[in-house]
Amino acid sequence: MIHVCSLSKVEETVARTGAQRLLSLLAAGTDVMRPASIAAENHLHLVMHDIAVAQEGMTMPGEQHVRALLDFGYRWDRAKPLVVHCYAGISRSTASAYIIA
């Protein structure tokens, strides 16, 4: 099962669901702490901004992000839940969860 949340709810969501994989989609410079229950190899952190049009100094989601996302999804055996989050838990995370599902 896939669970989507905001950055502020990562620890709580991972603990509540028993997730063993974590996908973080955050802008450069946004700190994310990987919960201790998530092994480093089970955490993918993609750096991108929540934008649809290129803007100076910002990173648009691109092909490399999608390839990494798909690879991460393919390697998930679905035995335990996956938590997907961005800053607000609305745009990047829901789109990524939909792609993986």
PDB file of N, CA and C in Angstrom:
ATOM      1  N   MET A   1       0.834  -1.163   0.000  1.00  0.00           N
ATOM      2  CA  MET A   1       0.000   0.000   0.000  1.00  0.00           C
ATOM      3  C   MET A   1       0.888   1.239   0.000  1.00  0.00           C
ATOM      4  N   ILE A   2       0.416   2.280  -0.637  1.00  0.00           N
ATOM      5  CA  ILE A   2       1.129   3.555  -0.698  1.00  0.00           C
ATOM      6  C   ILE A   2       0.400   4.558   0.189  1.00  0.00           C
ATOM      7  N   HIS A   3       1.165   5.270   1.005  1.00  0.00           N
ATOM      8  CA  HIS A   3       0.611   6.316   1.862  1.00  0.00           C
ATOM      9  C   HIS A   3       1.279   7.629   1.481  1.00  0.00           C
ATOM     10  N   VAL A   4       0.487   8.678   1.313  1.00  0.00           N
ATOM     11  CA  VAL A   4       0.982  10.000   0.935  1.00  0.00           C
ATOM     12  C   VAL A   4       0.809  10.939   2.123  1.00  0.00           C
ATOM     13  N   CYS A   5       1.836  11.742   2.368  1.00  0.00           N
ATOM     14  CA  CYS A   5       1.747  12.700   3.476  1.00  0.00           C
ATOM     15  C   CYS A   5       2.646  13.903   3.200  1.00  0.00           C
ATOM     16  N   SER A   6       2.569  14.858   4.109  1.00  0.00           N
ATOM     17  CA  SER A   6       3.441  16.034   4.049  1.00  0.00           C
ATOM     18  C   SER A   6       4.743  15.744   4.799  1.00  0.00           C
ATOM     19  N   LEU A   7       5.714  16.617   4.622  1.00  0.00           N
ATOM     20  CA  LEU A   7       7.000  16.481   5.314  1.00  0.00           C
ATOM     21  C   LEU A   7       6.801  16.426   6.831  1.00  0.00           C
ATOM     22  N   SER A   8       5.900  17.236   7.336  1.00  0.00           N
ATOM     23  CA  SER A   8       5.691  17.295   8.788  1.00  0.00           C
ATOM     24  C   SER A   8       5.084  16.020   9.369  1.00  0.00           C
ATOM     25  N   LYS A   9       4.538  15.157   8.525  1.00  0.00           N
ATOM     26  CA  LYS A   9       3.875  13.929   8.992  1.00  0.00           C
ATOM     27  C   LYS A   9       4.651  12.653   8.661  1.00  0.00           C
ATOM     28  N   VAL A  10       5.886  12.773   8.168  1.00  0.00           N
ATOM     29  CA  VAL A  10       6.644  11.589   7.743  1.00  0.00           C
ATOM     30  C   VAL A  10       6.852  10.607   8.891  1.00  0.00           C
ATOM     31  N   GLU A  11       7.425  11.065   9.988  1.00  0.00           N
ATOM     32  CA  GLU A  11       7.702  10.168  11.128  1.00  0.00           C
ATOM     33  C   GLU A  11       6.431   9.456  11.577  1.00  0.00           C
ATOM     34  N   GLU A  12       5.368  10.215  11.757  1.00  0.00           N
ATOM     35  CA  GLU A  12       4.094   9.665  12.221  1.00  0.00           C
ATOM     36  C   GLU A  12       3.529   8.647  11.235  1.00  0.00           C
ATOM     37  N   THR A  13       3.567   8.969   9.947  1.00  0.00           N
ATOM     38  CA  THR A  13       3.000   8.088   8.930  1.00  0.00           C
ATOM     39  C   THR A  13       3.797   6.797   8.807  1.00  0.00           C
ATOM     40  N   VAL A  14       5.112   6.896   8.828  1.00  0.00           N
ATOM     41  CA  VAL A  14       5.957   5.697   8.762  1.00  0.00           C
ATOM     42  C   VAL A  14       5.685   4.804   9.974  1.00  0.00           C
ATOM     43  N   ALA A  15       5.608   5.387  11.155  1.00  0.00           N
ATOM     44  CA  ALA A  15       5.366   4.605  12.372  1.00  0.00           C
ATOM     45  C   ALA A  15       3.979   3.957  12.349  1.00  0.00           C
ATOM     46  N   ARG A  16       2.975   4.716  11.930  1.00  0.00           N
ATOM     47  CA  ARG A  16       1.597   4.221  11.936  1.00  0.00           C
ATOM     48  C   ARG A  16       1.375   3.106  10.930  1.00  0.00           C
ATOM     49  N   THR A  17       2.038   3.199   9.775  1.00  0.00           N
ATOM     50  CA  THR A  17       1.795   2.239   8.689  1.00  0.00           C
ATOM     51  C   THR A  17       2.767   1.067   8.674  1.00  0.00           C
ATOM     52  N   GLY A  18       3.891   1.195   9.373  1.00  0.00           N
ATOM     53  CA  GLY A  18       4.913   0.151   9.316  1.00  0.00           C
ATOM     54  C   GLY A  18       5.663   0.142   7.999  1.00  0.00           C
ATOM     55  N   ALA A  19       5.670   1.273   7.304  1.00  0.00           N
ATOM     56  CA  ALA A  19       6.344   1.379   6.008  1.00  0.00           C
ATOM     57  C   ALA A  19       7.828   1.065   6.141  1.00  0.00           C
ATOM     58  N   GLN A  20       8.377   0.465   5.093  1.00  0.00           N
ATOM     59  CA  GLN A  20       9.811   0.186   5.050  1.00  0.00           C
ATOM     60  C   GLN A  20      10.498   0.877   3.882  1.00  0.00           C
ATOM     61  N   ARG A  21       9.723   1.634   3.090  1.00  0.00           N
ATOM     62  CA  ARG A  21      10.302   2.400   1.987  1.00  0.00           C
ATOM     63  C   ARG A  21       9.762   3.821   2.062  1.00  0.00           C
ATOM     64  N   LEU A  22      10.612   4.775   1.635  1.00  0.00           N
ATOM     65  CA  LEU A  22      10.258   6.184   1.716  1.00  0.00           C
ATOM     66  C   LEU A  22      10.731   6.903   0.464  1.00  0.00           C
ATOM     67  N   LEU A  23       9.839   7.673  -0.132  1.00  0.00           N
ATOM     68  CA  LEU A  23      10.160   8.515  -1.280  1.00  0.00           C
ATOM     69  C   LEU A  23       9.948   9.961  -0.867  1.00  0.00           C
ATOM     70  N   SER A  24      11.014  10.766  -0.932  1.00  0.00           N
ATOM     71  CA  SER A  24      10.971  12.181  -0.575  1.00  0.00           C
ATOM     72  C   SER A  24      11.149  13.010  -1.836  1.00  0.00           C
ATOM     73  N   LEU A  25      10.252  13.959  -2.062  1.00  0.00           N
ATOM     74  CA  LEU A  25      10.302  14.839  -3.230  1.00  0.00           C
ATOM     75  C   LEU A  25      10.314  16.275  -2.720  1.00  0.00           C
ATOM     76  N   LEU A  26      11.502  16.856  -2.626  1.00  0.00           N
ATOM     77  CA  LEU A  26      11.646  18.149  -1.977  1.00  0.00           C
ATOM     78  C   LEU A  26      12.561  19.073  -2.763  1.00  0.00           C
ATOM     79  N   ALA A  27      12.387  20.369  -2.540  1.00  0.00           N
ATOM     80  CA  ALA A  27      13.251  21.369  -3.152  1.00  0.00           C
ATOM     81  C   ALA A  27      14.637  21.300  -2.522  1.00  0.00           C
ATOM     82  N   ALA A  28      15.635  21.715  -3.274  1.00  0.00           N
ATOM     83  CA  ALA A  28      17.004  21.763  -2.759  1.00  0.00           C
ATOM     84  C   ALA A  28      17.030  22.609  -1.493  1.00  0.00           C
ATOM     85  N   GLY A  29      17.761  22.133  -0.504  1.00  0.00           N
ATOM     86  CA  GLY A  29      17.892  22.871   0.737  1.00  0.00           C
ATOM     87  C   GLY A  29      16.845  22.545   1.790  1.00  0.00           C
ATOM     88  N   THR A  30      15.842  21.748   1.424  1.00  0.00           N
ATOM     89  CA  THR A  30      14.830  21.340   2.402  1.00  0.00           C
ATOM     90  C   THR A  30      15.335  20.096   3.115  1.00  0.00           C
ATOM     91  N   ASP A  31      15.472  20.189   4.408  1.00  0.00           N
ATOM     92  CA  ASP A  31      15.988  19.065   5.192  1.00  0.00           C
ATOM     93  C   ASP A  31      14.930  17.986   5.366  1.00  0.00           C
ATOM     94  N   VAL A  32      15.365  16.741   5.253  1.00  0.00           N
ATOM     95  CA  VAL A  32      14.485  15.610   5.538  1.00  0.00           C
ATOM     96  C   VAL A  32      15.272  14.622   6.386  1.00  0.00           C
ATOM     97  N   MET A  33      14.664  14.192   7.455  1.00  0.00           N
ATOM     98  CA  MET A  33      15.273  13.189   8.316  1.00  0.00           C
ATOM     99  C   MET A  33      14.636  11.845   7.991  1.00  0.00           C
ATOM    100  N   ARG A  34      15.448  10.888   7.599  1.00  0.00           N
ATOM    101  CA  ARG A  34      14.938   9.544   7.325  1.00  0.00           C
ATOM    102  C   ARG A  34      14.670   8.860   8.653  1.00  0.00           C
ATOM    103  N   PRO A  35      13.431   8.386   8.864  1.00  0.00           N
ATOM    104  CA  PRO A  35      13.148   7.667  10.110  1.00  0.00           C
ATOM    105  C   PRO A  35      14.089   6.476  10.273  1.00  0.00           C
ATOM    106  N   ALA A  36      14.450   6.169  11.505  1.00  0.00           N
ATOM    107  CA  ALA A  36      15.395   5.083  11.794  1.00  0.00           C
ATOM    108  C   ALA A  36      14.905   3.738  11.277  1.00  0.00           C
ATOM    109  N   SER A  37      13.600   3.565  11.162  1.00  0.00           N
ATOM    110  CA  SER A  37      13.048   2.287  10.698  1.00  0.00           C
ATOM    111  C   SER A  37      13.168   2.093   9.188  1.00  0.00           C
ATOM    112  N   ILE A  38      13.567   3.136   8.464  1.00  0.00           N
ATOM    113  CA  ILE A  38      13.744   3.061   7.008  1.00  0.00           C
ATOM    114  C   ILE A  38      15.235   2.919   6.713  1.00  0.00           C
ATOM    115  N   ALA A  39      15.626   1.813   6.113  1.00  0.00           N
ATOM    116  CA  ALA A  39      17.031   1.615   5.730  1.00  0.00           C
ATOM    117  C   ALA A  39      17.411   2.623   4.643  1.00  0.00           C
ATOM    118  N   ALA A  40      18.653   3.059   4.656  1.00  0.00           N
ATOM    119  CA  ALA A  40      19.121   4.057   3.688  1.00  0.00           C
ATOM    120  C   ALA A  40      18.848   3.628   2.252  1.00  0.00           C
ATOM    121  N   GLU A  41      19.030   2.335   1.947  1.00  0.00           N
ATOM    122  CA  GLU A  41      18.808   1.861   0.575  1.00  0.00           C
ATOM    123  C   GLU A  41      17.327   1.810   0.198  1.00  0.00           C
ATOM    124  N   ASN A  42      16.452   2.008   1.169  1.00  0.00           N
ATOM    125  CA  ASN A  42      15.010   2.026   0.909  1.00  0.00           C
ATOM    126  C   ASN A  42      14.434   3.436   0.921  1.00  0.00           C
ATOM    127  N   HIS A  43      15.319   4.432   0.832  1.00  0.00           N
ATOM    128  CA  HIS A  43      14.888   5.830   0.809  1.00  0.00           C
ATOM    129  C   HIS A  43      15.419   6.499  -0.456  1.00  0.00           C
ATOM    130  N   LEU A  44      14.513   7.026  -1.249  1.00  0.00           N
ATOM    131  CA  LEU A  44      14.895   7.797  -2.432  1.00  0.00           C
ATOM    132  C   LEU A  44      14.503   9.241  -2.189  1.00  0.00           C
ATOM    133  N   HIS A  45      15.477  10.145  -2.313  1.00  0.00           N
ATOM    134  CA  HIS A  45      15.236  11.578  -2.150  1.00  0.00           C
ATOM    135  C   HIS A  45      15.478  12.248  -3.497  1.00  0.00           C
ATOM    136  N   LEU A  46      14.401  12.703  -4.121  1.00  0.00           N
ATOM    137  CA  LEU A  46      14.501  13.406  -5.396  1.00  0.00           C
ATOM    138  C   LEU A  46      14.378  14.906  -5.139  1.00  0.00           C
ATOM    139  N   VAL A  47      15.316  15.664  -5.687  1.00  0.00           N
ATOM    140  CA  VAL A  47      15.340  17.112  -5.481  1.00  0.00           C
ATOM    141  C   VAL A  47      14.717  17.800  -6.687  1.00  0.00           C
ATOM    142  N   MET A  48      13.599  18.487  -6.430  1.00  0.00           N
ATOM    143  CA  MET A  48      12.888  19.233  -7.475  1.00  0.00           C
ATOM    144  C   MET A  48      11.954  20.228  -6.801  1.00  0.00           C
ATOM    145  N   HIS A  49      11.622  21.270  -7.537  1.00  0.00           N
ATOM    146  CA  HIS A  49      10.650  22.235  -7.034  1.00  0.00           C
ATOM    147  C   HIS A  49       9.264  21.876  -7.566  1.00  0.00           C
ATOM    148  N   ASP A  50       8.252  22.398  -6.920  1.00  0.00           N
ATOM    149  CA  ASP A  50       6.863  22.165  -7.318  1.00  0.00           C
ATOM    150  C   ASP A  50       6.468  23.229  -8.343  1.00  0.00           C
ATOM    151  N   ILE A  51       6.993  23.071  -9.564  1.00  0.00           N
ATOM    152  CA  ILE A  51       6.729  24.028 -10.639  1.00  0.00           C
ATOM    153  C   ILE A  51       6.400  23.279 -11.923  1.00  0.00           C
ATOM    154  N   ALA A  52       5.612  23.921 -12.781  1.00  0.00           N
ATOM    155  CA  ALA A  52       5.248  23.330 -14.070  1.00  0.00           C
ATOM    156  C   ALA A  52       5.926  24.046 -15.233  1.00  0.00           C
ATOM    157  N   VAL A  53       6.478  25.222 -14.957  1.00  0.00           N
ATOM    158  CA  VAL A  53       7.162  26.022 -15.967  1.00  0.00           C
ATOM    159  C   VAL A  53       8.543  26.368 -15.418  1.00  0.00           C
ATOM    160  N   ALA A  54       9.554  26.255 -16.264  1.00  0.00           N
ATOM    161  CA  ALA A  54      10.922  26.529 -15.830  1.00  0.00           C
ATOM    162  C   ALA A  54      11.043  27.934 -15.243  1.00  0.00           C
ATOM    163  N   GLN A  55      11.755  28.019 -14.123  1.00  0.00           N
ATOM    164  CA  GLN A  55      12.013  29.291 -13.467  1.00  0.00           C
ATOM    165  C   GLN A  55      13.476  29.315 -13.047  1.00  0.00           C
ATOM    166  N   GLU A  56      14.093  30.464 -13.199  1.00  0.00           N
ATOM    167  CA  GLU A  56      15.508  30.594 -12.867  1.00  0.00           C
ATOM    168  C   GLU A  56      15.762  30.219 -11.408  1.00  0.00           C
ATOM    169  N   GLY A  57      16.794  29.403 -11.201  1.00  0.00           N
ATOM    170  CA  GLY A  57      17.178  29.003  -9.860  1.00  0.00           C
ATOM    171  C   GLY A  57      16.356  27.870  -9.273  1.00  0.00           C
ATOM    172  N   MET A  58      15.435  27.323 -10.067  1.00  0.00           N
ATOM    173  CA  MET A  58      14.590  26.230  -9.582  1.00  0.00           C
ATOM    174  C   MET A  58      14.766  25.006 -10.471  1.00  0.00           C
ATOM    175  N   THR A  59      14.550  23.834  -9.900  1.00  0.00           N
ATOM    176  CA  THR A  59      14.689  22.578 -10.627  1.00  0.00           C
ATOM    177  C   THR A  59      13.317  22.028 -10.963  1.00  0.00           C
ATOM    178  N   MET A  60      13.035  21.934 -12.253  1.00  0.00           N
ATOM    179  CA  MET A  60      11.774  21.330 -12.696  1.00  0.00           C
ATOM    180  C   MET A  60      11.876  19.820 -12.622  1.00  0.00           C
ATOM    181  N   PRO A  61      10.762  19.142 -12.345  1.00  0.00           N
ATOM    182  CA  PRO A  61      10.770  17.685 -12.478  1.00  0.00           C
ATOM    183  C   PRO A  61      11.130  17.333 -13.918  1.00  0.00           C
ATOM    184  N   GLY A  62      11.960  16.326 -14.100  1.00  0.00           N
ATOM    185  CA  GLY A  62      12.400  15.966 -15.441  1.00  0.00           C
ATOM    186  C   GLY A  62      12.497  14.470 -15.645  1.00  0.00           C
ATOM    187  N   GLU A  63      13.022  14.104 -16.804  1.00  0.00           N
ATOM    188  CA  GLU A  63      13.125  12.692 -17.184  1.00  0.00           C
ATOM    189  C   GLU A  63      13.956  11.888 -16.187  1.00  0.00           C
ATOM    190  N   GLN A  64      15.055  12.446 -15.706  1.00  0.00           N
ATOM    191  CA  GLN A  64      15.889  11.719 -14.732  1.00  0.00           C
ATOM    192  C   GLN A  64      15.114  11.416 -13.454  1.00  0.00           C
ATOM    193  N   HIS A  65      14.295  12.360 -13.029  1.00  0.00           N
ATOM    194  CA  HIS A  65      13.468  12.135 -11.841  1.00  0.00           C
ATOM    195  C   HIS A  65      12.489  10.986 -12.079  1.00  0.00           C
ATOM    196  N   VAL A  66      11.848  11.007 -13.243  1.00  0.00           N
ATOM    197  CA  VAL A  66      10.858   9.968 -13.557  1.00  0.00           C
ATOM    198  C   VAL A  66      11.527   8.605 -13.651  1.00  0.00           C
ATOM    199  N   ARG A  67      12.686   8.539 -14.271  1.00  0.00           N
ATOM    200  CA  ARG A  67      13.404   7.258 -14.367  1.00  0.00           C
ATOM    201  C   ARG A  67      13.770   6.723 -12.979  1.00  0.00           C
ATOM    202  N   ALA A  68      14.272   7.589 -12.115  1.00  0.00           N
ATOM    203  CA  ALA A  68      14.627   7.171 -10.753  1.00  0.00           C
ATOM    204  C   ALA A  68      13.382   6.734  -9.982  1.00  0.00           C
ATOM    205  N   LEU A  69      12.293   7.452 -10.161  1.00  0.00           N
ATOM    206  CA  LEU A  69      11.026   7.121  -9.515  1.00  0.00           C
ATOM    207  C   LEU A  69      10.524   5.755  -9.965  1.00  0.00           C
ATOM    208  N   LEU A  70      10.550   5.509 -11.262  1.00  0.00           N
ATOM    209  CA  LEU A  70      10.100   4.216 -11.793  1.00  0.00           C
ATOM    210  C   LEU A  70      10.986   3.076 -11.299  1.00  0.00           C
ATOM    211  N   ASP A  71      12.290   3.285 -11.292  1.00  0.00           N
ATOM    212  CA  ASP A  71      13.211   2.255 -10.808  1.00  0.00           C
ATOM    213  C   ASP A  71      12.952   1.944  -9.335  1.00  0.00           C
ATOM    214  N   PHE A  72      12.756   2.969  -8.537  1.00  0.00           N
ATOM    215  CA  PHE A  72      12.457   2.791  -7.114  1.00  0.00           C
ATOM    216  C   PHE A  72      11.154   2.010  -6.945  1.00  0.00           C
ATOM    217  N   GLY A  73      10.164   2.357  -7.736  1.00  0.00           N
ATOM    218  CA  GLY A  73       8.882   1.655  -7.686  1.00  0.00           C
ATOM    219  C   GLY A  73       8.990   0.203  -8.106  1.00  0.00           C
ATOM    220  N   TYR A  74       9.772  -0.074  -9.140  1.00  0.00           N
ATOM    221  CA  TYR A  74       9.954  -1.458  -9.609  1.00  0.00           C
ATOM    222  C   TYR A  74      10.648  -2.321  -8.555  1.00  0.00           C
ATOM    223  N   ARG A  75      11.553  -1.721  -7.786  1.00  0.00           N
ATOM    224  CA  ARG A  75      12.294  -2.470  -6.768  1.00  0.00           C
ATOM    225  C   ARG A  75      11.487  -2.700  -5.487  1.00  0.00           C
ATOM    226  N   TRP A  76      10.344  -2.046  -5.358  1.00  0.00           N
ATOM    227  CA  TRP A  76       9.491  -2.213  -4.181  1.00  0.00           C
ATOM    228  C   TRP A  76       8.709  -3.513  -4.323  1.00  0.00           C
ATOM    229  N   ASP A  77       8.886  -4.436  -3.395  1.00  0.00           N
ATOM    230  CA  ASP A  77       8.218  -5.743  -3.490  1.00  0.00           C
ATOM    231  C   ASP A  77       6.785  -5.722  -2.954  1.00  0.00           C
ATOM    232  N   ARG A  78       6.345  -4.608  -2.419  1.00  0.00           N
ATOM    233  CA  ARG A  78       4.983  -4.395  -1.915  1.00  0.00           C
ATOM    234  C   ARG A  78       4.641  -5.227  -0.686  1.00  0.00           C
ATOM    235  N   ALA A  79       5.635  -5.855  -0.079  1.00  0.00           N
ATOM    236  CA  ALA A  79       5.402  -6.627   1.142  1.00  0.00           C
ATOM    237  C   ALA A  79       5.065  -5.704   2.318  1.00  0.00           C
ATOM    238  N   LYS A  80       5.672  -4.539   2.337  1.00  0.00           N
ATOM    239  CA  LYS A  80       5.428  -3.534   3.377  1.00  0.00           C
ATOM    240  C   LYS A  80       5.092  -2.213   2.689  1.00  0.00           C
ATOM    241  N   PRO A  81       4.366  -1.334   3.367  1.00  0.00           N
ATOM    242  CA  PRO A  81       3.950  -0.071   2.747  1.00  0.00           C
ATOM    243  C   PRO A  81       5.115   0.832   2.336  1.00  0.00           C
ATOM    244  N   LEU A  82       4.779   1.737   1.437  1.00  0.00           N
ATOM    245  CA  LEU A  82       5.665   2.788   0.938  1.00  0.00           C
ATOM    246  C   LEU A  82       5.045   4.121   1.331  1.00  0.00           C
ATOM    247  N   VAL A  83       5.835   5.025   1.876  1.00  0.00           N
ATOM    248  CA  VAL A  83       5.377   6.385   2.169  1.00  0.00           C
ATOM    249  C   VAL A  83       6.008   7.319   1.149  1.00  0.00           C
ATOM    250  N   VAL A  84       5.166   8.149   0.541  1.00  0.00           N
ATOM    251  CA  VAL A  84       5.597   9.142  -0.439  1.00  0.00           C
ATOM    252  C   VAL A  84       5.234  10.512   0.130  1.00  0.00           C
ATOM    253  N   HIS A  85       6.197  11.417   0.149  1.00  0.00           N
ATOM    254  CA  HIS A  85       5.892  12.749   0.672  1.00  0.00           C
ATOM    255  C   HIS A  85       6.634  13.826  -0.098  1.00  0.00           C
ATOM    256  N   CYS A  86       6.025  15.004  -0.070  1.00  0.00           N
ATOM    257  CA  CYS A  86       6.682  16.221  -0.520  1.00  0.00           C
ATOM    258  C   CYS A  86       6.524  17.211   0.633  1.00  0.00           C
ATOM    259  N   TYR A  87       6.654  18.485   0.374  1.00  0.00           N
ATOM    260  CA  TYR A  87       6.560  19.437   1.476  1.00  0.00           C
ATOM    261  C   TYR A  87       5.140  19.502   2.041  1.00  0.00           C
ATOM    262  N   ALA A  88       4.146  19.656   1.148  1.00  0.00           N
ATOM    263  CA  ALA A  88       2.756  19.802   1.593  1.00  0.00           C
ATOM    264  C   ALA A  88       1.949  18.512   1.499  1.00  0.00           C
ATOM    265  N   GLY A  89       2.437  17.537   0.737  1.00  0.00           N
ATOM    266  CA  GLY A  89       1.690  16.291   0.572  1.00  0.00           C
ATOM    267  C   GLY A  89       0.541  16.411  -0.404  1.00  0.00           C
ATOM    268  N   ILE A  90       0.663  17.329  -1.371  1.00  0.00           N
ATOM    269  CA  ILE A  90      -0.452  17.591  -2.287  1.00  0.00           C
ATOM    270  C   ILE A  90      -0.090  17.323  -3.748  1.00  0.00           C
ATOM    271  N   SER A  91       0.978  17.895  -4.258  1.00  0.00           N
ATOM    272  CA  SER A  91       1.252  17.835  -5.703  1.00  0.00           C
ATOM    273  C   SER A  91       2.272  16.776  -6.095  1.00  0.00           C
ATOM    274  N   ARG A  92       3.536  17.023  -5.780  1.00  0.00           N
ATOM    275  CA  ARG A  92       4.590  16.095  -6.193  1.00  0.00           C
ATOM    276  C   ARG A  92       4.361  14.696  -5.642  1.00  0.00           C
ATOM    277  N   SER A  93       3.956  14.612  -4.386  1.00  0.00           N
ATOM    278  CA  SER A  93       3.784  13.297  -3.755  1.00  0.00           C
ATOM    279  C   SER A  93       2.616  12.521  -4.346  1.00  0.00           C
ATOM    280  N   THR A  94       1.486  13.169  -4.563  1.00  0.00           N
ATOM    281  CA  THR A  94       0.337  12.444  -5.114  1.00  0.00           C
ATOM    282  C   THR A  94       0.599  12.020  -6.550  1.00  0.00           C
ATOM    283  N   ALA A  95       1.236  12.879  -7.335  1.00  0.00           N
ATOM    284  CA  ALA A  95       1.562  12.516  -8.721  1.00  0.00           C
ATOM    285  C   ALA A  95       2.527  11.333  -8.747  1.00  0.00           C
ATOM    286  N   SER A  96       3.514  11.344  -7.881  1.00  0.00           N
ATOM    287  CA  SER A  96       4.492  10.252  -7.831  1.00  0.00           C
ATOM    288  C   SER A  96       3.860   8.953  -7.345  1.00  0.00           C
ATOM    289  N   ALA A  97       2.995   9.039  -6.351  1.00  0.00           N
ATOM    290  CA  ALA A  97       2.302   7.845  -5.857  1.00  0.00           C
ATOM    291  C   ALA A  97       1.444   7.240  -6.963  1.00  0.00           C
ATOM    292  N   TYR A  98       0.790   8.076  -7.736  1.00  0.00           N
ATOM    293  CA  TYR A  98      -0.039   7.608  -8.855  1.00  0.00           C
ATOM    294  C   TYR A  98       0.825   6.880  -9.887  1.00  0.00           C
ATOM    295  N   ILE A  99       1.975   7.420 -10.194  1.00  0.00           N
ATOM    296  CA  ILE A  99       2.884   6.794 -11.166  1.00  0.00           C
ATOM    297  C   ILE A  99       3.339   5.428 -10.663  1.00  0.00           C
ATOM    298  N   ILE A 100       3.703   5.332  -9.396  1.00  0.00           N
ATOM    299  CA  ILE A 100       4.186   4.068  -8.837  1.00  0.00           C
ATOM    300  C   ILE A 100       3.077   3.025  -8.755  1.00  0.00           C
ATOM    301  N   ALA A 101       1.880   3.476  -8.407  1.00  0.00           N
ATOM    302  CA  ALA A 101       0.754   2.541  -8.242  1.00  0.00           C
ATOM    303  C   ALA A 101       0.465   1.825  -9.538  1.00  0.00           C
TER     304      ALA A 101
END
